[in-house]
């Protein structure tokens, strides 16, 4: 390229890509350097060597930003940024070990307008026994029941039926995606009672925070207050539950759950002014104030959360995705999006086993490659590598790894 060239069509075809940055190019012997904005010079890499240089930049699997920073210190060619990004997208190792997705802007549910309109439930284990915690979102009223034996759908239906008879039928029941809570039997029961089931994402407790808080409170109350067989039929357990989650005002309210529900305080063992047992004239005001406090709390929490949150693009049915493994923190599972079950929640079919699970958008990432190689190529799904040398027997991953994305083998389900 001549120093005084002012027309692109004067240059050989191979050099035209350098025409726009011609004033930033210089030579030192047989080496061409690129210098921009008075920074340190970068070595201009010819096309024949770019693939090897890309592999060297990517050797540490440090991600796109680190690769770009390293490249901008040493090497250059037209379109290097785009090729670095493509190299990163084609790497299965980087996808597997990528950091978690950023927090999304908050999307709080609509606050309840009256007690027991929205109810949350969650199962938990304590000292080898299974319990279920059921709580009202507005008042914070909490009840805990011990489930002797397995937590079957039939036992949970019995618990919900007693709750509905005692407090009325809620409009919405929120729970996690446990099979006993979302089984056909449980869904049929809720349909009969006209209760809408809201299922939270697996391994994403933020989507059912009220239930998680209820479980945390229940565990504190039950430790040391249950019978030898885990039974709640003890005075200590009854008094503990009655005193705190039923008679203690929740944060942001001056009235206890009992006062919000019945308009008065329930009688306790302690001697108190009997006027507290009378229906308060301020009952309606206290209830409305609790609703306003919940709305203010939600807005404040959302504002703090959204300061560091980022929107994620929605996923479409049929899209192949990587799935975050909460145990290892790796993106080593894969599946296919079937449908959107709620805002930011997706029903996903796992590869291999064919199981379905509900996952939050933050735990899903579009699958950009099947298997990455350091030479920049991507494996073709279902392709069989050419045979080299002696014949080898077919090897298959263990069944417990069917849901995982393996770096050196693609698991196949047996039928």
Protein backbone atom coordinates (compact mmCIF):
# COMPACT_ATOMS: atom_id res chain seq x y z
CA UNK A 1 0.00 0.00 0.00
CA UNK A 2 1.54 3.27 -1.04
CA UNK A 3 1.73 6.06 1.51
CA UNK A 4 0.01 8.60 -0.69
CA UNK A 5 -2.81 6.39 -1.95
CA UNK A 6 -6.16 8.16 -1.67
CA UNK A 7 -8.38 5.79 -3.67
CA UNK A 8 -9.27 2.35 -2.45
CA UNK A 9 -9.52 0.85 -5.93
CA UNK A 10 -5.86 1.67 -6.57
CA UNK A 11 -4.73 -0.99 -4.08
CA UNK A 12 -4.46 -4.76 -4.61
CA UNK A 13 -7.55 -6.67 -3.47
CA UNK A 14 -5.73 -8.27 -0.51
CA UNK A 15 -4.78 -4.85 0.88
CA UNK A 16 -8.09 -3.04 0.50
CA UNK A 17 -9.25 -4.11 3.97
CA UNK A 18 -6.41 -1.99 5.39
CA UNK A 19 -7.29 1.14 3.41
CA UNK A 20 -9.27 2.90 6.18
CA UNK A 21 -6.48 2.48 8.75
CA UNK A 22 -3.60 3.11 6.35
CA UNK A 23 -2.43 6.19 8.28
CA UNK A 24 -1.98 4.05 11.42
CA UNK A 25 0.28 1.47 9.74
CA UNK A 26 4.07 1.50 9.86
CA UNK A 27 6.94 -0.88 9.15
CA UNK A 28 9.91 -2.05 11.16
CA UNK A 29 11.97 -4.17 8.84
CA UNK A 30 9.68 -6.89 7.54
CA UNK A 31 7.10 -6.39 10.33
CA UNK A 32 3.94 -4.31 9.88
CA UNK A 33 2.70 -2.48 12.98
CA UNK A 34 -0.66 -0.87 13.74
CA UNK A 35 -0.73 2.12 16.10
CA UNK A 36 -3.95 3.95 17.03
CA UNK A 37 -4.48 6.93 19.36
CA UNK A 38 -0.77 7.07 20.25
CA UNK A 39 -0.97 3.75 22.10
CA UNK A 40 1.62 0.98 21.94
CA UNK A 41 2.00 -0.60 18.48
CA UNK A 42 0.28 -3.89 17.68
CA UNK A 43 1.61 -6.54 15.34
CA UNK A 44 -0.47 -6.91 12.15
CA UNK A 45 -1.19 -10.63 11.69
CA UNK A 46 -1.52 -12.01 8.15
CA UNK A 47 -4.54 -14.16 7.31
CA UNK A 48 -2.55 -17.42 7.29
CA UNK A 49 -1.54 -17.02 10.96
CA UNK A 50 -4.77 -15.64 12.45
CA UNK A 51 -6.25 -19.00 13.37
CA UNK A 52 -3.17 -19.94 15.40
CA UNK A 53 -3.08 -16.52 17.09
CA UNK A 54 -6.77 -16.85 18.01
CA UNK A 55 -6.11 -20.26 19.55
CA UNK A 56 -3.24 -18.76 21.56
CA UNK A 57 -5.42 -15.89 22.79
CA UNK A 58 -8.11 -18.37 23.78
CA UNK A 59 -5.80 -20.90 25.46
CA UNK A 60 -6.65 -19.72 28.98
CA UNK A 61 -10.46 -19.80 28.44
CA UNK A 62 -10.73 -16.43 30.17
CA UNK A 63 -13.74 -15.19 28.21
CA UNK A 64 -14.35 -12.61 25.52
CA UNK A 65 -13.40 -9.47 27.45
CA UNK A 66 -10.06 -10.86 28.60
CA UNK A 67 -9.25 -12.05 25.08
CA UNK A 68 -10.04 -8.62 23.65
CA UNK A 69 -7.91 -6.83 26.26
CA UNK A 70 -5.00 -9.16 25.55
CA UNK A 71 -5.35 -8.77 21.78
CA UNK A 72 -5.45 -4.97 22.01
CA UNK A 73 -2.06 -5.03 23.66
CA UNK A 74 -0.25 -7.08 21.06
CA UNK A 75 -1.94 -8.08 17.78
CA UNK A 76 -4.31 -6.66 15.17
CA UNK A 77 -6.08 -7.42 11.92
CA UNK A 78 -9.31 -6.05 10.45
CA UNK A 79 -12.30 -7.67 12.16
CA UNK A 80 -10.32 -9.13 15.07
CA UNK A 81 -12.99 -8.17 17.64
CA UNK A 82 -15.71 -10.06 15.76
CA UNK A 83 -13.50 -13.13 15.35
CA UNK A 84 -12.63 -13.12 19.05
CA UNK A 85 -16.34 -13.04 19.92
CA UNK A 86 -17.04 -15.87 17.49
CA UNK A 87 -14.20 -17.93 18.98
CA UNK A 88 -15.70 -17.47 22.44
CA UNK A 89 -19.20 -18.42 21.26
CA UNK A 90 -17.91 -21.65 19.72
CA UNK A 91 -16.14 -22.84 22.89
CA UNK A 92 -18.05 -25.41 24.95
CA UNK A 93 -15.52 -25.19 27.81
CA UNK A 94 -16.15 -21.46 28.22
CA UNK A 95 -19.91 -22.03 28.08
CA UNK A 96 -19.71 -24.70 30.78
CA UNK A 97 -17.65 -22.59 33.18
CA UNK A 98 -19.21 -19.21 32.38
CA UNK A 99 -20.30 -17.06 35.35
CA UNK A 100 -23.95 -16.91 36.30
CA UNK A 101 -26.21 -14.56 34.40
CA UNK A 102 -26.66 -11.09 35.95
CA UNK A 103 -29.64 -10.33 38.12
CA UNK A 104 -32.76 -9.37 36.25
CA UNK A 105 -34.92 -6.35 37.07
CA UNK A 106 -37.36 -7.30 39.79
CA UNK A 107 -40.86 -8.39 38.89
CA UNK A 108 -42.77 -8.54 42.20
CA UNK A 109 -46.17 -10.22 42.19
CA UNK A 110 -49.32 -8.19 42.69
CA UNK A 111 -49.81 -7.60 46.44
CA UNK A 112 -52.84 -9.32 48.00
CA UNK A 113 -55.90 -7.22 48.79
CA UNK A 114 -57.29 -9.25 51.68
CA UNK A 115 -56.12 -12.01 54.06
CA UNK A 116 -55.72 -15.52 52.61
CA UNK A 117 -56.14 -14.30 49.05
CA UNK A 118 -52.60 -15.49 48.28
CA UNK A 119 -51.15 -18.44 50.18
CA UNK A 120 -47.63 -19.90 49.99
CA UNK A 121 -46.59 -23.44 50.88
CA UNK A 122 -43.30 -25.31 51.04
CA UNK A 123 -42.02 -28.66 52.27
CA UNK A 124 -38.90 -28.91 54.40
CA UNK A 125 -36.88 -31.45 56.37
CA UNK A 126 -35.80 -31.07 59.99
CA UNK A 127 -34.04 -33.75 62.06
CA UNK A 128 -35.12 -36.45 59.62
CA UNK A 129 -38.80 -35.47 59.64
CA UNK A 130 -40.88 -33.85 56.90
CA UNK A 131 -43.03 -30.79 57.53
CA UNK A 132 -45.11 -28.43 55.43
CA UNK A 133 -45.30 -24.71 56.13
CA UNK A 134 -48.34 -22.79 54.86
CA UNK A 135 -48.50 -19.00 55.22
CA UNK A 136 -50.69 -16.07 54.21
CA UNK A 137 -48.83 -13.47 52.15
CA UNK A 138 -50.71 -10.44 53.51
CA UNK A 139 -50.84 -11.04 57.24
CA UNK A 140 -47.91 -13.43 57.63
CA UNK A 141 -50.08 -16.00 59.45
CA UNK A 142 -48.08 -19.24 59.54
CA UNK A 143 -49.08 -22.81 60.29
CA UNK A 144 -46.84 -25.89 60.28
CA UNK A 145 -47.88 -29.53 60.01
CA UNK A 146 -45.85 -32.68 60.51
CA UNK A 147 -46.21 -35.25 57.72
CA UNK A 148 -45.79 -38.74 59.12
CA UNK A 149 -44.46 -41.01 56.40
CA UNK A 150 -43.96 -39.90 52.82
CA UNK A 151 -45.14 -36.48 51.66
CA UNK A 152 -47.58 -37.87 49.12
CA UNK A 153 -50.04 -35.79 47.14
CA UNK A 154 -52.91 -37.30 49.16
CA UNK A 155 -51.38 -36.12 52.46
CA UNK A 156 -50.79 -32.63 51.10
CA UNK A 157 -54.36 -32.45 49.80
CA UNK A 158 -55.59 -33.27 53.31
CA UNK A 159 -53.53 -30.38 54.71
CA UNK A 160 -54.82 -27.91 52.10
CA UNK A 161 -58.41 -29.05 52.55
CA UNK A 162 -58.23 -28.32 56.30
CA UNK A 163 -56.65 -24.94 55.60
CA UNK A 164 -59.35 -23.99 53.07
CA UNK A 165 -62.15 -24.96 55.50
CA UNK A 166 -60.55 -22.94 58.27
CA UNK A 167 -59.62 -19.74 56.44
CA UNK A 168 -61.50 -19.84 53.16
CA UNK A 169 -60.42 -20.68 49.63
CA UNK A 170 -57.43 -18.66 48.38
CA UNK A 171 -57.25 -17.35 44.85
CA UNK A 172 -53.61 -18.39 44.46
CA UNK A 173 -51.36 -21.04 45.98
CA UNK A 174 -47.62 -20.59 45.41
CA UNK A 175 -45.21 -23.51 45.75
CA UNK A 176 -42.05 -24.94 44.24
CA UNK A 177 -42.03 -27.48 41.44
CA UNK A 178 -42.08 -30.58 43.66
CA UNK A 179 -43.88 -33.49 42.03
CA UNK A 180 -46.13 -34.04 45.05
CA UNK A 181 -47.30 -30.41 44.87
CA UNK A 182 -47.68 -30.29 41.10
CA UNK A 183 -48.92 -33.81 40.40
CA UNK A 184 -52.06 -34.45 38.41
CA UNK A 185 -53.85 -35.40 41.64
CA UNK A 186 -52.88 -32.12 43.35
CA UNK A 187 -53.75 -30.03 40.31
CA UNK A 188 -57.11 -31.76 40.02
CA UNK A 189 -57.89 -30.97 43.66
CA UNK A 190 -56.98 -27.29 43.19
CA UNK A 191 -59.07 -27.10 40.02
CA UNK A 192 -62.11 -28.38 41.93
CA UNK A 193 -61.60 -25.73 44.60
CA UNK A 194 -60.85 -23.10 41.91
CA UNK A 195 -57.39 -22.25 43.23
CA UNK A 196 -54.75 -21.00 40.79
CA UNK A 197 -51.40 -22.78 41.21
CA UNK A 198 -48.29 -20.63 40.89
CA UNK A 199 -45.13 -22.74 40.52
CA UNK A 200 -41.74 -21.17 41.21
CA UNK A 201 -38.59 -21.96 39.24
CA UNK A 202 -36.44 -24.87 40.36
CA UNK A 203 -33.32 -23.85 42.34
CA UNK A 204 -34.43 -20.22 42.36
CA UNK A 205 -35.81 -19.44 45.84
CA UNK A 206 -36.25 -15.74 45.04
CA UNK A 207 -39.30 -16.60 42.97
CA UNK A 208 -41.09 -17.86 46.11
CA UNK A 209 -39.44 -15.75 48.77
CA UNK A 210 -42.44 -15.71 51.13
CA UNK A 211 -42.42 -19.50 51.34
CA UNK A 212 -38.67 -19.56 51.97
CA UNK A 213 -39.11 -17.02 54.78
CA UNK A 214 -41.92 -19.13 56.26
CA UNK A 215 -39.71 -22.23 56.25
CA UNK A 216 -36.86 -20.32 57.88
CA UNK A 217 -39.19 -19.11 60.64
CA UNK A 218 -40.72 -22.56 61.11
CA UNK A 219 -37.32 -24.23 61.54
CA UNK A 220 -36.35 -21.76 64.25
CA UNK A 221 -39.60 -22.42 66.09
CA UNK A 222 -39.51 -26.21 65.87
CA UNK A 223 -35.94 -26.82 67.01
CA UNK A 224 -36.22 -28.22 70.52
CA UNK A 225 -40.02 -27.93 70.65
CA UNK A 226 -41.15 -31.12 68.90
CA UNK A 227 -41.76 -34.60 70.25
CA UNK A 228 -39.35 -37.49 69.87
CA UNK A 229 -41.02 -38.64 66.67
CA UNK A 230 -41.12 -35.13 65.23
CA UNK A 231 -44.74 -34.62 66.26
CA UNK A 232 -46.09 -31.11 66.79
CA UNK A 233 -48.59 -32.37 69.36
CA UNK A 234 -46.71 -30.73 72.20
CA UNK A 235 -47.51 -27.66 74.25
CA UNK A 236 -44.07 -26.20 73.53
CA UNK A 237 -44.55 -26.36 69.75
CA UNK A 238 -48.09 -24.95 69.93
CA UNK A 239 -47.06 -22.05 72.17
CA UNK A 240 -44.03 -21.23 70.02
CA UNK A 241 -46.09 -21.07 66.82
CA UNK A 242 -48.86 -19.11 68.51
CA UNK A 243 -46.56 -16.56 70.11
CA UNK A 244 -44.34 -15.57 67.20
CA UNK A 245 -45.76 -16.04 63.68
CA UNK A 246 -49.34 -15.42 64.87
CA UNK A 247 -49.04 -12.80 67.62
CA UNK A 248 -45.90 -10.88 66.62
CA UNK A 249 -46.40 -7.93 64.21
CA UNK A 250 -44.54 -8.43 60.93
CA UNK A 251 -41.98 -5.88 59.86
CA UNK A 252 -43.65 -2.72 58.61
CA UNK A 253 -46.89 -3.29 60.54
CA UNK A 254 -48.05 -2.36 64.03
CA UNK A 255 -50.65 -5.16 64.08
CA UNK A 256 -50.01 -8.87 64.55
CA UNK A 257 -51.23 -11.46 62.03
CA UNK A 258 -54.04 -12.37 64.44
CA UNK A 259 -55.17 -8.74 64.64
CA UNK A 260 -55.04 -8.33 60.87
CA UNK A 261 -57.21 -11.41 60.36
CA UNK A 262 -59.68 -11.31 63.26
CA UNK A 263 -59.51 -7.65 64.26
CA UNK A 264 -58.36 -8.56 67.76
CA UNK A 265 -55.56 -10.30 69.61
CA UNK A 266 -56.05 -13.98 70.46
CA UNK A 267 -55.94 -14.98 74.10
CA UNK A 268 -52.54 -16.13 75.35
CA UNK A 269 -51.23 -17.71 78.53
CA UNK A 270 -49.89 -14.39 79.74
CA UNK A 271 -52.22 -12.07 81.62
CA UNK A 272 -52.90 -8.99 79.49
CA UNK A 273 -55.52 -6.28 79.20
CA UNK A 274 -58.73 -8.01 78.13
CA UNK A 275 -59.59 -5.05 75.91
CA UNK A 276 -57.08 -6.47 73.41
CA UNK A 277 -59.45 -9.39 72.89
CA UNK A 278 -62.18 -7.06 71.64
CA UNK A 279 -62.50 -6.23 67.96
CA UNK A 280 -60.55 -3.05 67.28
CA UNK A 281 -62.28 -0.07 65.74
CA UNK A 282 -59.07 0.48 63.78
CA UNK A 283 -59.21 -3.00 62.23
CA UNK A 284 -60.00 -1.83 58.70
CA UNK A 285 -57.38 0.93 58.92
CA UNK A 286 -54.72 -1.53 60.15
CA UNK A 287 -55.49 -3.89 57.29
CA UNK A 288 -55.24 -1.13 54.68
CA UNK A 289 -52.04 0.14 56.28
CA UNK A 290 -50.55 -3.35 56.06
CA UNK A 291 -51.38 -3.45 52.35
CA UNK A 292 -49.71 -0.08 51.82
CA UNK A 293 -46.65 -1.18 53.81
CA UNK A 294 -46.27 -4.29 51.66
CA UNK A 295 -46.47 -2.18 48.50
CA UNK A 296 -43.87 0.30 49.83
CA UNK A 297 -41.58 -2.53 50.88
CA UNK A 298 -41.85 -4.16 47.47
CA UNK A 299 -41.14 -0.89 45.65
CA UNK A 300 -38.12 -0.16 47.86
CA UNK A 301 -36.68 -3.65 47.45
CA UNK A 302 -37.26 -3.50 43.70
CA UNK A 303 -35.49 -0.14 43.46
CA UNK A 304 -32.40 -1.43 45.30
CA UNK A 305 -32.37 -4.64 43.28
CA UNK A 306 -32.73 -2.93 39.91
CA UNK A 307 -29.63 -0.78 40.45
CA UNK A 308 -27.43 -3.73 39.40
CA UNK A 309 -29.95 -5.69 37.32
CA UNK A 310 -30.01 -6.26 33.57
CA UNK A 311 -32.72 -7.47 31.24
CA UNK A 312 -32.25 -10.82 29.51
CA UNK A 313 -33.72 -11.57 26.10
CA UNK A 314 -36.80 -13.83 26.21
CA UNK A 315 -36.47 -17.40 24.97
CA UNK A 316 -38.68 -18.97 22.32
CA UNK A 317 -40.09 -22.52 22.25
CA UNK A 318 -37.76 -24.93 20.49
CA UNK A 319 -34.61 -23.02 21.44
CA UNK A 320 -31.69 -25.16 22.64
CA UNK A 321 -30.27 -23.88 25.93
CA UNK A 322 -27.59 -24.57 28.47
CA UNK A 323 -28.86 -24.96 32.04
CA UNK A 324 -27.01 -23.85 35.17
CA UNK A 325 -26.23 -26.69 37.57
CA UNK A 326 -26.81 -25.11 41.01
CA UNK A 327 -24.65 -27.73 42.71
CA UNK A 328 -21.47 -27.15 40.73
CA UNK A 329 -22.16 -23.65 39.40
CA UNK A 330 -21.42 -24.87 35.88
CA UNK A 331 -23.49 -24.69 32.71
CA UNK A 332 -23.07 -28.43 32.15
CA UNK A 333 -26.68 -29.36 31.36
CA UNK A 334 -28.64 -28.81 28.17
CA UNK A 335 -32.25 -28.92 27.11
CA UNK A 336 -34.94 -27.53 24.85
CA UNK A 337 -37.42 -24.80 25.76
CA UNK A 338 -40.98 -26.12 25.49
CA UNK A 339 -43.06 -23.15 26.60
CA UNK A 340 -43.24 -20.07 28.80
CA UNK A 341 -45.06 -20.95 32.03
CA UNK A 342 -44.91 -17.50 33.65
CA UNK A 343 -42.97 -14.26 33.22
CA UNK A 344 -39.29 -15.28 33.10
CA UNK A 345 -40.12 -18.94 33.71
CA UNK A 346 -39.77 -21.68 31.12
CA UNK A 347 -40.65 -25.35 30.89
CA UNK A 348 -37.53 -27.13 29.64
CA UNK A 349 -37.04 -30.73 28.51
CA UNK A 350 -33.62 -32.03 29.58
CA UNK A 351 -31.45 -33.78 27.05
CA UNK A 352 -30.90 -37.49 27.52
CA UNK A 353 -33.42 -38.34 30.23
CA UNK A 354 -36.27 -36.36 28.65
CA UNK A 355 -37.40 -35.05 32.05
CA UNK A 356 -39.09 -31.65 32.21
CA UNK A 357 -38.35 -28.91 34.70
CA UNK A 358 -39.34 -25.29 35.26
CA UNK A 359 -36.37 -22.93 35.25
CA UNK A 360 -35.92 -19.20 35.67
CA UNK A 361 -34.54 -17.22 32.74
CA UNK A 362 -31.44 -16.42 34.78
CA UNK A 363 -30.55 -20.12 34.84
CA UNK A 364 -30.93 -20.57 31.07
CA UNK A 365 -28.51 -19.53 28.36
CA UNK A 366 -28.91 -20.08 24.59
CA UNK A 367 -26.75 -22.97 23.43
CA UNK A 368 -24.33 -21.59 20.85
CA UNK A 369 -22.28 -24.74 20.24
CA UNK A 370 -22.41 -28.46 20.91
CA UNK A 371 -18.74 -29.17 21.40
CA UNK A 372 -15.89 -26.71 21.19
CA UNK A 373 -12.39 -27.37 19.87
CA UNK A 374 -9.26 -25.28 20.16
CA UNK A 375 -8.91 -25.20 16.39
CA UNK A 376 -12.11 -23.14 16.17
CA UNK A 377 -14.35 -25.83 14.70
CA UNK A 378 -17.65 -26.90 16.19
CA UNK A 379 -18.88 -30.44 16.32
CA UNK A 380 -21.99 -31.35 14.38
CA UNK A 381 -24.79 -32.82 16.55
CA UNK A 382 -25.19 -36.48 15.90
CA UNK A 383 -22.11 -36.70 13.68
CA UNK A 384 -19.91 -39.77 14.00
CA UNK A 385 -16.15 -39.10 13.91
CA UNK A 386 -14.26 -40.95 11.20
CA UNK A 387 -12.70 -44.22 12.23
CA UNK A 388 -8.95 -44.13 12.69
CA UNK A 389 -6.83 -47.20 13.36
CA UNK A 390 -8.35 -50.19 15.08
CA UNK A 391 -12.15 -50.45 15.44
CA UNK A 392 -13.50 -49.31 18.83
CA UNK A 393 -16.58 -50.43 20.68
CA UNK A 394 -19.42 -47.99 21.21
CA UNK A 395 -19.10 -46.20 24.55
CA UNK A 396 -22.08 -44.72 26.33
CA UNK A 397 -22.25 -42.34 29.27
CA UNK A 398 -23.76 -43.61 32.56
CA UNK A 399 -27.49 -43.02 32.97
CA UNK A 400 -26.97 -40.60 35.87
CA UNK A 401 -25.11 -38.29 33.44
CA UNK A 402 -27.81 -38.21 30.78
CA UNK A 403 -28.83 -34.64 31.63
CA UNK A 404 -25.27 -33.28 31.40
CA UNK A 405 -23.23 -31.80 28.57
CA UNK A 406 -19.96 -33.73 28.44
CA UNK A 407 -16.85 -32.24 26.85
CA UNK A 408 -15.58 -35.46 25.25
CA UNK A 409 -18.73 -37.48 24.69
CA UNK A 410 -22.35 -36.89 23.93
CA UNK A 411 -24.61 -38.98 26.23
CA UNK A 412 -27.38 -40.91 24.56
CA UNK A 413 -30.50 -42.18 26.21
CA UNK A 414 -31.12 -45.89 26.08
CA UNK A 415 -34.58 -47.13 25.16
